[in-house]
Amino acid sequence: MQIPENKYDVVIIGGGPIGIACALEAEKKGLSYIVLEKGCLVNSLFHYPTNMTFFSTSEKLELDNIPFISNNPKPGKREALEYYRRIATTNDINIHLFEKVTNIKSAADNVHNIITSKNEYQAENVIVATGFYDIPNYLGVKGEELPKVSHYYNDPHYYATQKTIVVGASNSAVDAALEIYRKGGDVTMIVRKPEIGDRVKYWVRPDIINRIEEGSIKAYFNSSLREIKENEVILDTPNGEEIIENDFTLLLTGYRPNFGFLQDLGIKLSEDGKKIPLYNENTMETNVPGIFLAGVICGGVETHKWFIENSRIHAKIIINHLDKKQDILTST
C-alpha cells in the first residue's frame, strides 16, 4: 500500500461536539490532528428538528469551559449550531467537512491508514466519535419505502392540515406530535407500549398526556403498524385490526450507531443484544490498539446513556492518555 503523505498523531472521525472537544484537547497537548466529517459541521445537530430544545442546560453543553450563552436555560438547535460553529472557526480547528471515511487499514506496526472519499491519511491513533443519528431503526413493515414515509422530522409546517401518523413515544416522537398538532395537523400516535415513554422531557410529558386525554391528539397504545399504504395505514391494536386514513407517516423509532463500521475495524461488540463496543474505561481504547471511542457511540444500542454533557470527559481521557504515551516514547 502506498503510504499517505498526510501523517498525524491522531485522526478524529466525526465533527460533532465530542469530535471538536477531542480536537481542542489535542491542540492543548501539542498533538497533530485532523477531524474528518462526512457532512457539515456538527452534522447530526444540523439534522435535528428545527424547533428542538435540548434536555440539557447550556452550561452542560459547553466545551473546554467556553461559555455557551443562550436566551433560555435550555438552548435550541440554532443556538447550539452557532455555539459549536464559533468554537470551530475561532480556534481554527483542523477539520475537513464533507469527507467520508470509507476504510481504515491497520498495519502490523499499529499504524492506521485512513482512507476517505477524498484522500488518505496515516496515524498511530484514531478516535471514532461518530454518534448514532445516521441509521434509523427500520420497522421492516410493508410500505416503509413509500415517499410519504420518513424516519426524520424537521419542520411542523410541512404537515399542516395533513393526517399524520407518528410512530413512537420517545422525545422525538412526542415533540413532533405536539408541534404538528399546534400547526394544524391531524395527528395520531402509534405506541407499542401502554403509555408515553418515561424518558420524555419532564416539562413535555404532561403536555402530550393532556393532549391525548382531551382528544386533541389521538393515540393507539399497545399497538403496532402492520402496513403503510398510499392513503391509509393498517394497525394491529388490542381491539384488532384498525385502518386509518393517512397522508404522511413519521417513523420516529430511534437511531443506532454504524455497528458495521465498528466491526470492520475489528472492534468487538457485546453479544447480549446491547452491542456495546469493547473499550477500556480508563483510556477509551478499544480492543484494537490505537483505536479509541468517544461520545454516544460507546453505548451501543443504548443511545440514551451518553450525551454531550456526560461524554465531554472522553476527550480529556483519550488525549491525556496519548500525551502520556508520547512522553514515554520520547524518553525511551
Protein backbone atom coordinates (compact mmCIF):
# COMPACT_ATOMS: atom_id res chain seq x y z
CA MET A 1 0.00 0.00 0.00
CA GLN A 2 1.17 3.49 -0.78
CA ILE A 3 1.96 5.36 2.44
CA PRO A 4 -0.01 8.62 2.61
CA GLU A 5 1.80 11.91 2.93
CA ASN A 6 -0.73 13.21 5.45
CA LYS A 7 0.54 11.95 8.80
CA TYR A 8 -0.92 12.92 12.17
CA ASP A 9 -0.62 11.92 15.79
CA VAL A 10 -4.37 11.36 15.81
CA VAL A 11 -7.21 11.26 13.29
CA ILE A 12 -10.64 12.12 14.71
CA ILE A 13 -13.64 10.69 12.86
CA GLY A 14 -16.75 12.80 13.43
CA GLY A 15 -17.10 16.59 13.53
CA GLY A 16 -19.78 16.77 16.20
CA PRO A 17 -19.38 18.35 19.66
CA ILE A 18 -17.33 15.44 21.02
CA GLY A 19 -15.07 15.33 17.96
CA ILE A 20 -14.50 19.07 18.36
CA ALA A 21 -13.77 18.54 22.06
CA CYS A 22 -11.10 15.97 21.13
CA ALA A 23 -9.56 18.45 18.69
CA LEU A 24 -9.40 21.17 21.35
CA GLU A 25 -7.65 18.82 23.76
CA ALA A 26 -5.21 17.67 21.08
CA GLU A 27 -4.29 21.30 20.34
CA LYS A 28 -3.62 21.97 24.01
CA LYS A 29 -1.26 18.98 24.21
CA GLY A 30 0.54 19.88 21.00
CA LEU A 31 -0.60 16.76 19.15
CA SER A 32 -1.05 16.98 15.40
CA TYR A 33 -4.59 16.02 14.38
CA ILE A 34 -7.27 16.22 11.75
CA VAL A 35 -11.05 15.90 12.12
CA LEU A 36 -12.87 14.12 9.30
CA GLU A 37 -16.62 14.71 8.99
CA LYS A 38 -18.77 13.17 6.26
CA GLY A 39 -21.29 16.03 6.34
CA CYS A 40 -21.43 19.60 7.54
CA LEU A 41 -20.07 20.84 10.86
CA VAL A 42 -21.93 19.14 13.75
CA ASN A 43 -23.85 17.26 11.09
CA SER A 44 -26.18 15.39 13.44
CA LEU A 45 -27.25 18.59 15.22
CA PHE A 46 -27.89 20.23 11.86
CA HIS A 47 -30.39 17.49 11.03
CA TYR A 48 -32.26 17.76 14.32
CA PRO A 49 -35.80 19.20 14.15
CA THR A 50 -35.93 22.95 13.52
CA ASN A 51 -37.57 23.81 16.85
CA MET A 52 -35.74 21.28 19.01
CA THR A 53 -34.89 22.26 22.60
CA PHE A 54 -32.10 20.41 24.36
CA PHE A 55 -32.77 18.43 27.51
CA SER A 56 -29.51 19.79 28.95
CA THR A 57 -28.90 23.35 30.08
CA SER A 58 -26.43 25.43 28.09
CA GLU A 59 -23.55 25.14 30.57
CA LYS A 60 -23.69 21.34 30.33
CA LEU A 61 -23.21 21.59 26.57
CA GLU A 62 -20.08 23.74 26.87
CA LEU A 63 -16.70 22.59 25.59
CA ASP A 64 -13.39 23.48 27.20
CA ASN A 65 -15.07 25.95 29.59
CA ILE A 66 -16.02 28.21 26.67
CA PRO A 67 -19.27 29.94 27.79
CA PHE A 68 -22.45 28.97 25.98
CA ILE A 69 -24.86 31.90 26.32
CA SER A 70 -28.47 31.13 25.37
CA ASN A 71 -31.76 33.00 25.61
CA ASN A 72 -33.23 30.33 27.88
CA PRO A 73 -31.65 27.85 30.30
CA LYS A 74 -32.21 25.06 27.77
CA PRO A 75 -30.91 26.19 24.36
CA GLY A 76 -32.41 25.42 20.99
CA LYS A 77 -30.91 23.91 17.86
CA ARG A 78 -29.95 27.22 16.20
CA GLU A 79 -28.16 28.43 19.32
CA ALA A 80 -26.21 25.18 19.53
CA LEU A 81 -25.19 25.39 15.87
CA GLU A 82 -23.95 28.93 16.42
CA TYR A 83 -22.03 27.95 19.56
CA TYR A 84 -20.16 24.99 18.07
CA ARG A 85 -19.56 26.80 14.78
CA ARG A 86 -17.91 29.70 16.61
CA ILE A 87 -15.71 27.30 18.58
CA ALA A 88 -14.56 25.57 15.40
CA THR A 89 -13.86 28.77 13.48
CA THR A 90 -12.39 30.84 16.33
CA ASN A 91 -9.98 28.06 17.28
CA ASP A 92 -9.20 27.28 13.64
CA ILE A 93 -9.96 23.60 14.16
CA ASN A 94 -8.29 21.46 11.51
CA ILE A 95 -11.45 19.87 10.16
CA HIS A 96 -12.29 18.51 6.72
CA LEU A 97 -16.03 18.60 6.06
CA PHE A 98 -17.94 16.50 3.53
CA GLU A 99 -15.15 13.93 3.58
CA LYS A 100 -16.38 10.45 4.49
CA VAL A 101 -14.09 7.81 5.96
CA THR A 102 -14.60 4.70 3.85
CA ASN A 103 -11.98 2.35 5.30
CA ILE A 104 -9.25 2.04 7.90
CA LYS A 105 -6.43 -0.42 7.35
CA SER A 106 -4.14 -1.22 10.25
CA ALA A 107 -0.54 -2.25 9.58
CA ALA A 108 1.44 -4.69 11.69
CA ASP A 109 3.16 -1.82 13.50
CA ASN A 110 -0.25 -0.48 14.63
CA VAL A 111 -0.09 2.44 12.22
CA HIS A 112 -3.54 3.09 10.77
CA ASN A 113 -4.15 4.11 7.18
CA ILE A 114 -7.39 6.08 6.98
CA ILE A 115 -8.97 6.13 3.53
CA THR A 116 -11.66 8.72 2.77
CA SER A 117 -13.77 9.77 -0.17
CA LYS A 118 -11.16 12.42 -1.00
CA ASN A 119 -7.79 11.48 0.45
CA GLU A 120 -5.71 9.13 2.56
CA TYR A 121 -4.13 9.73 5.95
CA GLN A 122 -1.88 7.94 8.39
CA ALA A 123 -1.94 8.00 12.18
CA GLU A 124 -0.96 5.83 15.11
CA ASN A 125 -4.19 6.79 16.87
CA VAL A 126 -7.78 7.09 15.66
CA ILE A 127 -10.72 8.44 17.66
CA VAL A 128 -14.17 7.34 16.50
CA ALA A 129 -16.73 9.94 17.58
CA THR A 130 -19.44 9.32 15.02
CA GLY A 131 -22.54 9.38 17.22
CA PHE A 132 -25.69 7.43 16.33
CA TYR A 133 -28.05 9.61 14.27
CA ASP A 134 -27.14 8.26 10.85
CA ILE A 135 -29.06 4.98 10.76
CA PRO A 136 -32.77 4.79 11.69
CA ASN A 137 -34.29 1.77 13.39
CA TYR A 138 -36.32 0.44 10.49
CA LEU A 139 -39.59 -1.32 11.29
CA GLY A 140 -39.47 -3.64 8.31
CA VAL A 141 -43.18 -3.19 7.55
CA LYS A 142 -44.68 -3.26 4.09
CA GLY A 143 -44.82 0.23 2.58
CA GLU A 144 -41.98 1.65 4.67
CA GLU A 145 -40.27 2.70 1.45
CA LEU A 146 -43.15 4.91 0.24
CA PRO A 147 -42.36 8.61 -0.40
CA LYS A 148 -44.81 9.73 2.29
CA VAL A 149 -42.79 7.89 4.96
CA SER A 150 -39.88 9.48 6.80
CA HIS A 151 -37.63 8.40 9.68
CA TYR A 152 -36.63 12.01 10.34
CA TYR A 153 -38.68 15.04 11.30
CA ASN A 154 -37.78 18.64 10.56
CA ASP A 155 -40.47 21.34 10.50
CA PRO A 156 -44.16 21.08 11.53
CA HIS A 157 -45.37 23.49 8.83
CA TYR A 158 -44.91 20.74 6.23
CA TYR A 159 -47.67 18.68 7.88
CA ALA A 160 -50.26 21.43 8.42
CA THR A 161 -53.84 20.18 7.74
CA GLN A 162 -52.50 16.72 6.90
CA LYS A 163 -53.43 13.41 8.52
CA THR A 164 -50.11 12.46 10.05
CA ILE A 165 -49.18 9.24 11.82
CA VAL A 166 -46.34 9.47 14.36
CA VAL A 167 -44.92 6.10 15.39
CA GLY A 168 -43.01 6.09 18.67
CA ALA A 169 -43.25 7.63 22.14
CA SER A 170 -39.78 9.00 22.82
CA ASN A 171 -38.73 12.66 22.88
CA SER A 172 -38.50 12.97 19.10
CA ALA A 173 -41.93 11.43 18.52
CA VAL A 174 -43.62 13.47 21.26
CA ASP A 175 -42.06 16.74 20.08
CA ALA A 176 -43.18 16.05 16.51
CA ALA A 177 -46.72 15.16 17.54
CA LEU A 178 -47.16 18.29 19.66
CA GLU A 179 -45.64 20.66 17.10
CA ILE A 180 -47.62 19.28 14.16
CA TYR A 181 -50.84 19.42 16.18
CA ARG A 182 -50.18 23.07 17.05
CA LYS A 183 -49.59 23.90 13.39
CA GLY A 184 -52.96 22.49 12.39
CA GLY A 185 -52.05 18.89 11.63
CA ASP A 186 -54.35 15.94 12.35
CA VAL A 187 -52.06 13.78 14.48
CA THR A 188 -52.35 10.15 15.51
CA MET A 189 -49.67 8.45 17.60
CA ILE A 190 -48.93 4.71 17.43
CA VAL A 191 -47.24 3.47 20.61
CA ARG A 192 -46.26 -0.14 21.17
CA LYS A 193 -46.11 0.34 24.95
CA PRO A 194 -49.04 1.08 27.29
CA GLU A 195 -48.03 4.72 27.87
CA ILE A 196 -45.77 7.57 26.78
CA GLY A 197 -42.09 6.81 27.48
CA ASP A 198 -40.79 7.75 30.93
CA ARG A 199 -37.65 9.32 29.46
CA VAL A 200 -39.62 12.04 27.68
CA LYS A 201 -38.57 15.53 28.82
CA TYR A 202 -40.24 16.20 32.16
CA TRP A 203 -41.76 19.53 31.04
CA VAL A 204 -43.18 17.98 27.85
CA ARG A 205 -44.60 14.68 29.14
CA PRO A 206 -47.61 16.26 30.93
CA ASP A 207 -48.38 18.27 27.79
CA ILE A 208 -48.62 15.23 25.50
CA ILE A 209 -50.59 13.22 28.08
CA ASN A 210 -53.12 16.05 28.44
CA ARG A 211 -53.47 16.48 24.67
CA ILE A 212 -54.15 12.76 24.30
CA GLU A 213 -56.63 12.67 27.18
CA GLU A 214 -58.60 15.61 25.77
CA GLY A 215 -58.63 14.05 22.31
CA SER A 216 -56.61 16.75 20.51
CA ILE A 217 -54.06 14.10 19.59
CA LYS A 218 -55.30 10.57 19.01
CA ALA A 219 -53.21 7.69 20.33
CA TYR A 220 -53.23 3.90 19.98
CA PHE A 221 -51.34 2.24 22.84
CA ASN A 222 -50.14 -1.38 22.91
CA SER A 223 -50.38 -1.13 19.13
CA SER A 224 -48.13 -1.57 16.11
CA LEU A 225 -48.03 -0.65 12.45
CA ARG A 226 -48.71 -3.59 10.17
CA GLU A 227 -48.72 -1.94 6.72
CA ILE A 228 -48.43 1.51 5.13
CA LYS A 229 -50.45 2.25 2.00
CA GLU A 230 -50.74 5.31 -0.23
CA ASN A 231 -53.76 6.79 1.56
CA GLU A 232 -54.07 4.75 4.76
CA VAL A 233 -52.26 2.61 7.30
CA ILE A 234 -53.21 -0.71 8.87
CA LEU A 235 -52.68 -1.15 12.61
CA ASP A 236 -52.68 -4.08 14.99
CA THR A 237 -54.38 -2.91 18.19
CA PRO A 238 -55.71 -4.62 21.34
CA ASN A 239 -59.15 -4.37 19.69
CA GLY A 240 -57.98 -5.98 16.47
CA GLU A 241 -57.19 -4.50 13.06
CA GLU A 242 -57.70 -0.78 12.52
CA ILE A 243 -57.49 1.06 9.20
CA ILE A 244 -56.78 4.81 9.37
CA GLU A 245 -56.71 7.43 6.64
CA ASN A 246 -53.21 8.84 6.30
CA ASP A 247 -51.27 11.43 4.30
CA PHE A 248 -47.83 11.21 5.97
CA THR A 249 -46.16 8.69 8.26
CA LEU A 250 -43.30 9.59 10.59
CA LEU A 251 -41.46 6.55 11.93
CA LEU A 252 -39.61 8.14 14.86
CA THR A 253 -38.49 4.91 16.47
CA GLY A 254 -34.90 5.85 17.23
CA TYR A 255 -31.50 5.53 15.61
CA ARG A 256 -28.36 3.46 16.08
CA PRO A 257 -24.62 3.68 15.57
CA ASN A 258 -22.98 2.22 12.48
CA PHE A 259 -22.11 -1.15 14.01
CA GLY A 260 -20.89 -2.47 10.67
CA PHE A 261 -18.20 0.22 10.57
CA LEU A 262 -17.02 -0.68 14.08
CA GLN A 263 -16.90 -4.37 13.25
CA ASP A 264 -14.99 -3.68 10.04
CA LEU A 265 -12.36 -2.01 12.23
CA GLY A 266 -12.14 -5.18 14.31
CA ILE A 267 -13.88 -3.71 17.37
CA LYS A 268 -15.73 -6.34 19.37
CA LEU A 269 -19.38 -5.79 20.34
CA SER A 270 -21.17 -7.34 23.30
CA GLU A 271 -23.33 -10.33 22.45
CA ASP A 272 -26.14 -9.53 24.90
CA GLY A 273 -28.17 -7.59 22.33
CA LYS A 274 -26.88 -4.22 23.55
CA LYS A 275 -23.93 -4.29 21.11
CA ILE A 276 -21.77 -2.24 23.46
CA PRO A 277 -18.27 -1.85 21.95
CA LEU A 278 -15.35 -3.23 23.93
CA TYR A 279 -13.18 -0.44 25.33
CA ASN A 280 -11.09 0.41 28.38
CA GLU A 281 -12.95 2.96 30.50
CA ASN A 282 -9.66 4.37 31.79
CA THR A 283 -8.32 5.17 28.33
CA MET A 284 -11.32 4.71 25.96
CA GLU A 285 -9.09 2.44 23.81
CA THR A 286 -10.86 -0.45 22.13
CA ASN A 287 -9.57 -3.99 21.67
CA VAL A 288 -7.87 -2.69 18.51
CA PRO A 289 -4.64 -0.94 19.60
CA GLY A 290 -4.68 2.76 18.78
CA ILE A 291 -8.41 3.00 18.06
CA PHE A 292 -10.45 4.90 20.65
CA LEU A 293 -14.15 5.66 21.13
CA ALA A 294 -15.71 8.92 22.32
CA GLY A 295 -19.28 10.01 22.87
CA VAL A 296 -22.62 8.31 22.36
CA ILE A 297 -21.16 5.52 20.25
CA CYS A 298 -19.84 3.95 23.47
CA GLY A 299 -23.35 2.92 24.47
CA GLY A 300 -24.21 0.54 21.65
CA VAL A 301 -27.97 0.45 21.14
CA GLU A 302 -28.45 2.18 24.50
CA THR A 303 -28.15 5.60 22.91
CA HIS A 304 -29.89 7.26 25.86
CA LYS A 305 -26.97 6.66 28.23
CA TRP A 306 -24.41 9.03 26.71
CA PHE A 307 -24.98 12.70 25.92
CA ILE A 308 -22.78 15.70 25.23
CA GLU A 309 -22.83 16.62 28.91
CA ASN A 310 -21.55 13.30 30.26
CA SER A 311 -19.26 12.27 27.39
CA ARG A 312 -17.28 15.51 27.05
CA ILE A 313 -14.85 13.93 29.50
CA HIS A 314 -13.92 11.28 26.92
CA ALA A 315 -11.86 13.87 25.05
CA LYS A 316 -9.68 14.60 28.07
CA ILE A 317 -9.33 10.90 28.94
CA ILE A 318 -8.14 9.97 25.46
CA ILE A 319 -5.83 12.92 24.79
CA ASN A 320 -4.25 12.75 28.26
CA HIS A 321 -3.53 9.07 27.64
CA LEU A 322 -2.00 9.82 24.23
CA ASP A 323 0.06 12.64 25.72
CA LYS A 324 1.47 10.35 28.41
CA LYS A 325 2.17 7.66 25.84
CA GLN A 326 4.06 10.17 23.70
CA ASP A 327 6.10 11.29 26.71
CA ILE A 328 7.08 7.69 27.41
CA LEU A 329 8.13 7.14 23.80
CA THR A 330 10.13 10.37 23.77
CA SER A 331 12.03 9.49 26.95
CA THR A 332 13.00 5.99 25.81
